[in-house]
């Protein structure tokens, strides 16, 4: 694949700067967006060195530790838009992402790919990242929507339905659009690296299934735990 020069990479930030400028111009503030972009840049530059080490490791416990850190970080970030409920629901987010994402990760790596060894870092860690990230986003959307609905007087059962439907909108749209509107990153990357499109399609089908499953299962578990708490408090 073509190596991107840092001078060329700087051009990718032009639309980013424009979006940050719109935030500032419309009175939404640019600090949060600027911080997010800066943090993304630093994290990705650092993770390149970390992954170079992890991909050479021969210890399953190291890989599991990385996955555990992913789950913890995803659980904390998922509730970032709800600071009032963050500490109270952190355990629920942790359980839901661990169970929903962990089940999907286990099924994908051990059932679909049959990794040998089971913790093969080059596959296990990137797949874990995709799965837990989608579970995080789904839980975040579900939590925010459930709070919004209950605060306007909707009963918790109906709020659960609305929240679950809403949190699946992004991934459902992705299912409809894949192959028609978008060629996903994994599939595109494999094709660019010389893999047959027929093989790349199989991997992408696996990816779409695992992100939909992890997102839906994690959100369902989270909403079930939250509603159980609400039901117990009535």
Foldseek 3Di string as FASTA:
>chain_A
DDDDDPVNVVVVCVVVVVVLVVCVVVVNHNPVSVVVVVVVVVVVVVVVVVLVVQLPDDDLVVLVVLLLVLLLVLLQVLCPVPVVCRVVQSVLLSVLLCVQLVVLLQCCQCPVVNDVVSSNPVPSVVLSNLLSNLQSQLQSQLVVQLVVCVVVPDDLVVSNVVSLVRSLVVLVVVVVPDPPPDPDDQLVVCVVVPDDSVVSVVVVVSSSVSSSRSSNRSNNSSSVVVVVVVVVVD
